[in-house]
Full PDB file with SEQRES, HELIX, SHEET, SSBOND, CRYST1, ORIGX, SCALE, CONECT and MASTER records, all heavy atoms in Angstrom:
SEQRES   1 A   34  GLY THR VAL GLY ILE ASP MET ILE ALA GLY PRO SER GLU          
SEQRES   2 A   34  ILE LEU VAL LEU CYS ASP GLY THR THR ASN PRO ASN TRP          
SEQRES   3 A   34  VAL ALA MET ASP LEU PHE ALA GLN                              
HELIX    1 AA1 PRO A   24  ALA A   33  1                                  10    
CRYST1    1.000    1.000    1.000  90.00  90.00  90.00 P 1           1          
ORIGX1      1.000000  0.000000  0.000000        0.00000                         
ORIGX2      0.000000  1.000000  0.000000        0.00000                         
ORIGX3      0.000000  0.000000  1.000000        0.00000                         
SCALE1      1.000000  0.000000  0.000000        0.00000                         
SCALE2      0.000000  1.000000  0.000000        0.00000                         
SCALE3      0.000000  0.000000  1.000000        0.00000                         
ATOM      1  N   GLY A   1     -25.722  18.258 -21.892  1.00  0.00           N  
ATOM      2  CA  GLY A   1     -26.353  19.464 -22.431  1.00  0.00           C  
ATOM      3  C   GLY A   1     -27.827  19.445 -22.094  1.00  0.00           C  
ATOM      4  O   GLY A   1     -28.395  20.468 -21.690  1.00  0.00           O  
ATOM      5  N   THR A   2     -28.446  18.279 -22.273  1.00  0.00           N  
ATOM      6  CA  THR A   2     -29.806  18.090 -21.767  1.00  0.00           C  
ATOM      7  C   THR A   2     -29.746  17.944 -20.253  1.00  0.00           C  
ATOM      8  O   THR A   2     -30.582  18.479 -19.515  1.00  0.00           O  
ATOM      9  CB  THR A   2     -30.455  16.842 -22.389  1.00  0.00           C  
ATOM     10  OG1 THR A   2     -30.531  17.014 -23.803  1.00  0.00           O  
ATOM     11  CG2 THR A   2     -31.859  16.615 -21.827  1.00  0.00           C  
ATOM     12  N   VAL A   3     -28.750  17.213 -19.795  1.00  0.00           N  
ATOM     13  CA  VAL A   3     -28.456  17.077 -18.365  1.00  0.00           C  
ATOM     14  C   VAL A   3     -26.958  17.268 -18.165  1.00  0.00           C  
ATOM     15  O   VAL A   3     -26.183  17.226 -19.114  1.00  0.00           O  
ATOM     16  CB  VAL A   3     -28.861  15.688 -17.816  1.00  0.00           C  
ATOM     17  CG1 VAL A   3     -30.350  15.491 -17.868  1.00  0.00           C  
ATOM     18  CG2 VAL A   3     -28.143  14.579 -18.585  1.00  0.00           C  
ATOM     19  N   GLY A   4     -26.557  17.484 -16.926  1.00  0.00           N  
ATOM     20  CA  GLY A   4     -25.146  17.497 -16.612  1.00  0.00           C  
ATOM     21  C   GLY A   4     -24.651  16.080 -16.401  1.00  0.00           C  
ATOM     22  O   GLY A   4     -25.436  15.159 -16.147  1.00  0.00           O  
ATOM     23  N   ILE A   5     -23.354  15.880 -16.515  1.00  0.00           N  
ATOM     24  CA  ILE A   5     -22.748  14.576 -16.209  1.00  0.00           C  
ATOM     25  C   ILE A   5     -21.521  14.813 -15.344  1.00  0.00           C  
ATOM     26  O   ILE A   5     -20.977  15.926 -15.304  1.00  0.00           O  
ATOM     27  CB  ILE A   5     -22.361  13.792 -17.477  1.00  0.00           C  
ATOM     28  CG1 ILE A   5     -21.316  14.549 -18.300  1.00  0.00           C  
ATOM     29  CG2 ILE A   5     -23.589  13.486 -18.326  1.00  0.00           C  
ATOM     30  CD1 ILE A   5     -20.740  13.754 -19.463  1.00  0.00           C  
ATOM     31  N   ASP A   6     -21.090  13.783 -14.640  1.00  0.00           N  
ATOM     32  CA  ASP A   6     -19.917  13.940 -13.793  1.00  0.00           C  
ATOM     33  C   ASP A   6     -18.642  13.997 -14.628  1.00  0.00           C  
ATOM     34  O   ASP A   6     -17.907  14.974 -14.598  1.00  0.00           O  
ATOM     35  CB  ASP A   6     -19.853  12.814 -12.757  1.00  0.00           C  
ATOM     36  CG  ASP A   6     -19.957  11.420 -13.374  1.00  0.00           C  
ATOM     37  OD1 ASP A   6     -20.279  11.302 -14.575  1.00  0.00           O  
ATOM     38  OD2 ASP A   6     -19.727  10.430 -12.642  1.00  0.00           O  
ATOM     39  N   MET A   7     -18.382  12.986 -15.405  1.00  0.00           N  
ATOM     40  CA  MET A   7     -17.194  12.912 -16.253  1.00  0.00           C  
ATOM     41  C   MET A   7     -17.308  11.677 -17.135  1.00  0.00           C  
ATOM     42  O   MET A   7     -18.152  10.816 -16.890  1.00  0.00           O  
ATOM     43  CB  MET A   7     -15.911  12.832 -15.413  1.00  0.00           C  
ATOM     44  CG  MET A   7     -15.817  11.593 -14.548  1.00  0.00           C  
ATOM     45  SD  MET A   7     -14.347  11.535 -13.478  1.00  0.00           S  
ATOM     46  CE  MET A   7     -14.785  12.703 -12.194  1.00  0.00           C  
ATOM     47  N   ILE A   8     -16.475  11.616 -18.150  1.00  0.00           N  
ATOM     48  CA  ILE A   8     -16.357  10.406 -18.957  1.00  0.00           C  
ATOM     49  C   ILE A   8     -15.079   9.709 -18.512  1.00  0.00           C  
ATOM     50  O   ILE A   8     -13.976  10.152 -18.813  1.00  0.00           O  
ATOM     51  CB  ILE A   8     -16.302  10.715 -20.463  1.00  0.00           C  
ATOM     52  CG1 ILE A   8     -17.554  11.466 -20.900  1.00  0.00           C  
ATOM     53  CG2 ILE A   8     -16.139   9.433 -21.259  1.00  0.00           C  
ATOM     54  CD1 ILE A   8     -18.838  10.694 -20.714  1.00  0.00           C  
ATOM     55  N   ALA A   9     -15.237   8.645 -17.761  1.00  0.00           N  
ATOM     56  CA  ALA A   9     -14.078   7.973 -17.172  1.00  0.00           C  
ATOM     57  C   ALA A   9     -13.508   6.927 -18.118  1.00  0.00           C  
ATOM     58  O   ALA A   9     -14.241   6.160 -18.733  1.00  0.00           O  
ATOM     59  CB  ALA A   9     -14.471   7.323 -15.851  1.00  0.00           C  
ATOM     60  N   GLY A  10     -12.190   6.923 -18.205  1.00  0.00           N  
ATOM     61  CA  GLY A  10     -11.507   5.894 -18.974  1.00  0.00           C  
ATOM     62  C   GLY A  10     -11.090   4.748 -18.065  1.00  0.00           C  
ATOM     63  O   GLY A  10     -11.529   4.669 -16.918  1.00  0.00           O  
ATOM     64  N   PRO A  11     -10.221   3.868 -18.540  1.00  0.00           N  
ATOM     65  CA  PRO A  11      -9.752   2.748 -17.717  1.00  0.00           C  
ATOM     66  C   PRO A  11      -9.046   3.246 -16.458  1.00  0.00           C  
ATOM     67  O   PRO A  11      -8.445   4.320 -16.442  1.00  0.00           O  
ATOM     68  CB  PRO A  11      -8.776   2.023 -18.644  1.00  0.00           C  
ATOM     69  CG  PRO A  11      -9.188   2.415 -20.023  1.00  0.00           C  
ATOM     70  CD  PRO A  11      -9.671   3.817 -19.910  1.00  0.00           C  
ATOM     71  N   SER A  12      -9.116   2.463 -15.403  1.00  0.00           N  
ATOM     72  CA  SER A  12      -8.522   2.841 -14.130  1.00  0.00           C  
ATOM     73  C   SER A  12      -6.995   2.825 -14.206  1.00  0.00           C  
ATOM     74  O   SER A  12      -6.405   2.039 -14.956  1.00  0.00           O  
ATOM     75  CB  SER A  12      -9.009   1.881 -13.046  1.00  0.00           C  
ATOM     76  OG  SER A  12      -8.774   2.401 -11.768  1.00  0.00           O  
ATOM     77  N   GLU A  13      -6.352   3.694 -13.399  1.00  0.00           N  
ATOM     78  CA  GLU A  13      -4.901   3.856 -13.472  1.00  0.00           C  
ATOM     79  C   GLU A  13      -4.292   3.970 -12.074  1.00  0.00           C  
ATOM     80  O   GLU A  13      -4.892   4.545 -11.174  1.00  0.00           O  
ATOM     81  CB  GLU A  13      -4.541   5.160 -14.212  1.00  0.00           C  
ATOM     82  CG  GLU A  13      -5.238   5.376 -15.528  1.00  0.00           C  
ATOM     83  CD  GLU A  13      -5.300   6.847 -15.907  1.00  0.00           C  
ATOM     84  OE1 GLU A  13      -4.917   7.715 -15.092  1.00  0.00           O  
ATOM     85  OE2 GLU A  13      -5.767   7.141 -17.029  1.00  0.00           O  
ATOM     86  N   ILE A  14      -3.079   3.474 -11.942  1.00  0.00           N  
ATOM     87  CA  ILE A  14      -2.282   3.739 -10.746  1.00  0.00           C  
ATOM     88  C   ILE A  14      -0.846   4.008 -11.155  1.00  0.00           C  
ATOM     89  O   ILE A  14      -0.313   3.373 -12.075  1.00  0.00           O  
ATOM     90  CB  ILE A  14      -2.322   2.573  -9.727  1.00  0.00           C  
ATOM     91  CG1 ILE A  14      -1.679   2.998  -8.412  1.00  0.00           C  
ATOM     92  CG2 ILE A  14      -1.649   1.329 -10.276  1.00  0.00           C  
ATOM     93  CD1 ILE A  14      -1.849   2.009  -7.278  1.00  0.00           C  
ATOM     94  N   LEU A  15      -0.235   4.980 -10.488  1.00  0.00           N  
ATOM     95  CA  LEU A  15       1.183   5.271 -10.662  1.00  0.00           C  
ATOM     96  C   LEU A  15       1.805   5.206  -9.270  1.00  0.00           C  
ATOM     97  O   LEU A  15       1.420   5.956  -8.373  1.00  0.00           O  
ATOM     98  CB  LEU A  15       1.378   6.670 -11.261  1.00  0.00           C  
ATOM     99  CG  LEU A  15       2.819   7.124 -11.434  1.00  0.00           C  
ATOM    100  CD1 LEU A  15       3.553   6.225 -12.420  1.00  0.00           C  
ATOM    101  CD2 LEU A  15       2.877   8.573 -11.918  1.00  0.00           C  
ATOM    102  N   VAL A  16       2.728   4.273  -9.074  1.00  0.00           N  
ATOM    103  CA  VAL A  16       3.420   4.136  -7.793  1.00  0.00           C  
ATOM    104  C   VAL A  16       4.776   4.816  -7.910  1.00  0.00           C  
ATOM    105  O   VAL A  16       5.615   4.417  -8.717  1.00  0.00           O  
ATOM    106  CB  VAL A  16       3.594   2.654  -7.402  1.00  0.00           C  
ATOM    107  CG1 VAL A  16       4.323   2.556  -6.064  1.00  0.00           C  
ATOM    108  CG2 VAL A  16       2.238   1.959  -7.317  1.00  0.00           C  
ATOM    109  N   LEU A  17       4.969   5.841  -7.109  1.00  0.00           N  
ATOM    110  CA  LEU A  17       6.231   6.567  -7.075  1.00  0.00           C  
ATOM    111  C   LEU A  17       6.967   6.088  -5.822  1.00  0.00           C  
ATOM    112  O   LEU A  17       6.585   6.429  -4.707  1.00  0.00           O  
ATOM    113  CB  LEU A  17       5.935   8.075  -7.013  1.00  0.00           C  
ATOM    114  CG  LEU A  17       7.045   9.067  -7.359  1.00  0.00           C  
ATOM    115  CD1 LEU A  17       6.427  10.443  -7.607  1.00  0.00           C  
ATOM    116  CD2 LEU A  17       8.082   9.162  -6.279  1.00  0.00           C  
ATOM    117  N   CYS A  18       8.006   5.274  -6.000  1.00  0.00           N  
ATOM    118  CA  CYS A  18       8.640   4.594  -4.868  1.00  0.00           C  
ATOM    119  C   CYS A  18      10.142   4.865  -4.827  1.00  0.00           C  
ATOM    120  O   CYS A  18      10.811   4.856  -5.870  1.00  0.00           O  
ATOM    121  CB  CYS A  18       8.388   3.083  -4.956  1.00  0.00           C  
ATOM    122  SG  CYS A  18       8.987   2.157  -3.533  1.00  0.00           S  
ATOM    123  N   ASP A  19      10.663   5.114  -3.623  1.00  0.00           N  
ATOM    124  CA  ASP A  19      12.096   5.368  -3.472  1.00  0.00           C  
ATOM    125  C   ASP A  19      12.909   4.098  -3.248  1.00  0.00           C  
ATOM    126  O   ASP A  19      14.124   4.146  -3.038  1.00  0.00           O  
ATOM    127  CB  ASP A  19      12.343   6.358  -2.332  1.00  0.00           C  
ATOM    128  CG  ASP A  19      11.866   5.844  -0.975  1.00  0.00           C  
ATOM    129  OD1 ASP A  19      11.335   4.715  -0.919  1.00  0.00           O  
ATOM    130  OD2 ASP A  19      11.996   6.585   0.021  1.00  0.00           O  
ATOM    131  N   GLY A  20      12.231   2.939  -3.243  1.00  0.00           N  
ATOM    132  CA  GLY A  20      12.927   1.664  -3.080  1.00  0.00           C  
ATOM    133  C   GLY A  20      12.982   1.178  -1.658  1.00  0.00           C  
ATOM    134  O   GLY A  20      13.635   0.165  -1.373  1.00  0.00           O  
ATOM    135  N   THR A  21      12.279   1.858  -0.738  1.00  0.00           N  
ATOM    136  CA  THR A  21      12.321   1.453   0.674  1.00  0.00           C  
ATOM    137  C   THR A  21      11.082   0.677   1.113  1.00  0.00           C  
ATOM    138  O   THR A  21      11.000   0.246   2.260  1.00  0.00           O  
ATOM    139  CB  THR A  21      12.463   2.691   1.580  1.00  0.00           C  
ATOM    140  OG1 THR A  21      11.329   3.556   1.409  1.00  0.00           O  
ATOM    141  CG2 THR A  21      13.735   3.464   1.258  1.00  0.00           C  
ATOM    142  N   THR A  22      10.131   0.500   0.229  1.00  0.00           N  
ATOM    143  CA  THR A  22       8.893  -0.218   0.549  1.00  0.00           C  
ATOM    144  C   THR A  22       9.069  -1.711   0.268  1.00  0.00           C  
ATOM    145  O   THR A  22       9.852  -2.100  -0.603  1.00  0.00           O  
ATOM    146  CB  THR A  22       7.724   0.346  -0.285  1.00  0.00           C  
ATOM    147  OG1 THR A  22       7.605   1.739  -0.029  1.00  0.00           O  
ATOM    148  CG2 THR A  22       6.407  -0.332   0.056  1.00  0.00           C  
ATOM    149  N   ASN A  23       8.337  -2.518   0.995  1.00  0.00           N  
ATOM    150  CA  ASN A  23       8.341  -3.958   0.731  1.00  0.00           C  
ATOM    151  C   ASN A  23       7.904  -4.192  -0.725  1.00  0.00           C  
ATOM    152  O   ASN A  23       6.832  -3.753  -1.122  1.00  0.00           O  
ATOM    153  CB  ASN A  23       7.356  -4.645   1.682  1.00  0.00           C  
ATOM    154  CG  ASN A  23       7.402  -6.154   1.586  1.00  0.00           C  
ATOM    155  OD1 ASN A  23       7.531  -6.728   0.513  1.00  0.00           O  
ATOM    156  ND2 ASN A  23       7.254  -6.817   2.723  1.00  0.00           N  
ATOM    157  N   PRO A  24       8.706  -4.856  -1.537  1.00  0.00           N  
ATOM    158  CA  PRO A  24       8.359  -5.053  -2.948  1.00  0.00           C  
ATOM    159  C   PRO A  24       7.061  -5.831  -3.138  1.00  0.00           C  
ATOM    160  O   PRO A  24       6.376  -5.655  -4.145  1.00  0.00           O  
ATOM    161  CB  PRO A  24       9.562  -5.799  -3.526  1.00  0.00           C  
ATOM    162  CG  PRO A  24      10.244  -6.406  -2.346  1.00  0.00           C  
ATOM    163  CD  PRO A  24      10.025  -5.452  -1.216  1.00  0.00           C  
ATOM    164  N   ASN A  25       6.716  -6.694  -2.186  1.00  0.00           N  
ATOM    165  CA  ASN A  25       5.439  -7.409  -2.261  1.00  0.00           C  
ATOM    166  C   ASN A  25       4.267  -6.424  -2.233  1.00  0.00           C  
ATOM    167  O   ASN A  25       3.274  -6.608  -2.937  1.00  0.00           O  
ATOM    168  CB  ASN A  25       5.302  -8.390  -1.089  1.00  0.00           C  
ATOM    169  CG  ASN A  25       6.267  -9.544  -1.181  1.00  0.00           C  
ATOM    170  OD1 ASN A  25       7.468  -9.349  -1.355  1.00  0.00           O  
ATOM    171  ND2 ASN A  25       5.766 -10.756  -1.056  1.00  0.00           N  
ATOM    172  N   TRP A  26       4.394  -5.386  -1.392  1.00  0.00           N  
ATOM    173  CA  TRP A  26       3.330  -4.390  -1.289  1.00  0.00           C  
ATOM    174  C   TRP A  26       3.158  -3.659  -2.619  1.00  0.00           C  
ATOM    175  O   TRP A  26       2.039  -3.438  -3.084  1.00  0.00           O  
ATOM    176  CB  TRP A  26       3.637  -3.384  -0.189  1.00  0.00           C  
ATOM    177  CG  TRP A  26       3.689  -3.967   1.198  1.00  0.00           C  
ATOM    178  CD1 TRP A  26       3.711  -5.297   1.539  1.00  0.00           C  
ATOM    179  CD2 TRP A  26       3.740  -3.233   2.424  1.00  0.00           C  
ATOM    180  NE1 TRP A  26       3.773  -5.434   2.895  1.00  0.00           N  
ATOM    181  CE2 TRP A  26       3.797  -4.190   3.482  1.00  0.00           C  
ATOM    182  CE3 TRP A  26       3.752  -1.881   2.743  1.00  0.00           C  
ATOM    183  CZ2 TRP A  26       3.859  -3.808   4.820  1.00  0.00           C  
ATOM    184  CZ3 TRP A  26       3.812  -1.497   4.075  1.00  0.00           C  
ATOM    185  CH2 TRP A  26       3.856  -2.450   5.103  1.00  0.00           C  
ATOM    186  N   VAL A  27       4.271  -3.284  -3.212  1.00  0.00           N  
ATOM    187  CA  VAL A  27       4.215  -2.547  -4.474  1.00  0.00           C  
ATOM    188  C   VAL A  27       3.630  -3.422  -5.574  1.00  0.00           C  
ATOM    189  O   VAL A  27       2.775  -2.986  -6.351  1.00  0.00           O  
ATOM    190  CB  VAL A  27       5.621  -2.045  -4.874  1.00  0.00           C  
ATOM    191  CG1 VAL A  27       5.600  -1.443  -6.277  1.00  0.00           C  
ATOM    192  CG2 VAL A  27       6.118  -1.010  -3.862  1.00  0.00           C  
ATOM    193  N   ALA A  28       4.078  -4.657  -5.645  1.00  0.00           N  
ATOM    194  CA  ALA A  28       3.568  -5.569  -6.672  1.00  0.00           C  
ATOM    195  C   ALA A  28       2.059  -5.754  -6.529  1.00  0.00           C  
ATOM    196  O   ALA A  28       1.329  -5.734  -7.523  1.00  0.00           O  
ATOM    197  CB  ALA A  28       4.278  -6.917  -6.579  1.00  0.00           C  
ATOM    198  N   MET A  29       1.591  -5.924  -5.297  1.00  0.00           N  
ATOM    199  CA  MET A  29       0.161  -6.141  -5.095  1.00  0.00           C  
ATOM    200  C   MET A  29      -0.650  -4.889  -5.394  1.00  0.00           C  
ATOM    201  O   MET A  29      -1.793  -4.976  -5.875  1.00  0.00           O  
ATOM    202  CB  MET A  29      -0.103  -6.612  -3.658  1.00  0.00           C  
ATOM    203  CG  MET A  29      -1.473  -7.243  -3.465  1.00  0.00           C  
ATOM    204  SD  MET A  29      -1.791  -8.659  -4.584  1.00  0.00           S  
ATOM    205  CE  MET A  29      -0.556  -9.841  -4.021  1.00  0.00           C  
ATOM    206  N   ASP A  30      -0.067  -3.714  -5.151  1.00  0.00           N  
ATOM    207  CA  ASP A  30      -0.760  -2.474  -5.508  1.00  0.00           C  
ATOM    208  C   ASP A  30      -0.905  -2.357  -7.030  1.00  0.00           C  
ATOM    209  O   ASP A  30      -1.921  -1.881  -7.536  1.00  0.00           O  
ATOM    210  CB  ASP A  30       0.002  -1.257  -4.967  1.00  0.00           C  
ATOM    211  CG  ASP A  30      -0.108  -1.145  -3.448  1.00  0.00           C  
ATOM    212  OD1 ASP A  30      -0.878  -1.919  -2.850  1.00  0.00           O  
ATOM    213  OD2 ASP A  30       0.581  -0.285  -2.870  1.00  0.00           O  
ATOM    214  N   LEU A  31       0.110  -2.807  -7.759  1.00  0.00           N  
ATOM    215  CA  LEU A  31       0.012  -2.835  -9.215  1.00  0.00           C  
ATOM    216  C   LEU A  31      -1.050  -3.832  -9.652  1.00  0.00           C  
ATOM    217  O   LEU A  31      -1.837  -3.566 -10.570  1.00  0.00           O  
ATOM    218  CB  LEU A  31       1.365  -3.189  -9.833  1.00  0.00           C  
ATOM    219  CG  LEU A  31       2.522  -2.214  -9.557  1.00  0.00           C  
ATOM    220  CD1 LEU A  31       3.820  -2.757 -10.156  1.00  0.00           C  
ATOM    221  CD2 LEU A  31       2.230  -0.821 -10.091  1.00  0.00           C  
ATOM    222  N   PHE A  32      -1.089  -4.983  -9.003  1.00  0.00           N  
ATOM    223  CA  PHE A  32      -2.111  -5.997  -9.297  1.00  0.00           C  
ATOM    224  C   PHE A  32      -3.517  -5.451  -9.038  1.00  0.00           C  
ATOM    225  O   PHE A  32      -4.443  -5.703  -9.809  1.00  0.00           O  
ATOM    226  CB  PHE A  32      -1.903  -7.230  -8.409  1.00  0.00           C  
ATOM    227  CG  PHE A  32      -0.789  -8.140  -8.828  1.00  0.00           C  
ATOM    228  CD1 PHE A  32       0.022  -7.848  -9.911  1.00  0.00           C  
ATOM    229  CD2 PHE A  32      -0.545  -9.317  -8.127  1.00  0.00           C  
ATOM    230  CE1 PHE A  32       1.046  -8.694 -10.290  1.00  0.00           C  
ATOM    231  CE2 PHE A  32       0.472 -10.183  -8.493  1.00  0.00           C  
ATOM    232  CZ  PHE A  32       1.277  -9.862  -9.578  1.00  0.00           C  
ATOM    233  N   ALA A  33      -3.668  -4.758  -7.918  1.00  0.00           N  
ATOM    234  CA  ALA A  33      -4.990  -4.290  -7.502  1.00  0.00           C  
ATOM    235  C   ALA A  33      -5.630  -3.409  -8.561  1.00  0.00           C  
ATOM    236  O   ALA A  33      -6.853  -3.410  -8.744  1.00  0.00           O  
ATOM    237  CB  ALA A  33      -4.885  -3.536  -6.178  1.00  0.00           C  
ATOM    238  N   GLN A  34      -4.816  -2.651  -9.266  1.00  0.00           N  
ATOM    239  CA  GLN A  34      -5.359  -1.817 -10.326  1.00  0.00           C  
ATOM    240  C   GLN A  34      -5.554  -2.623 -11.595  1.00  0.00           C  
ATOM    241  O   GLN A  34      -6.555  -2.477 -12.301  1.00  0.00           O  
ATOM    242  CB  GLN A  34      -4.414  -0.641 -10.592  1.00  0.00           C  
ATOM    243  CG  GLN A  34      -5.094   0.602 -11.093  1.00  0.00           C  
ATOM    244  CD  GLN A  34      -6.084   1.148 -10.087  1.00  0.00           C  
ATOM    245  OE1 GLN A  34      -5.918   0.984  -8.887  1.00  0.00           O  
ATOM    246  NE2 GLN A  34      -7.125   1.780 -10.563  1.00  0.00           N  
TER     247      GLN A  34                                                      
MASTER        0    0    0    1    0    0    0    6  246    1    0    3          
END                                                                             
């Protein structure tokens, strides 16, 4: 109100939508990365 702000960010999030054809190691590490 005195100044503008970009946003109030909460904790980081990832949602992996997978059909089961990806290497499970890749998916697990993507979950870890977040």
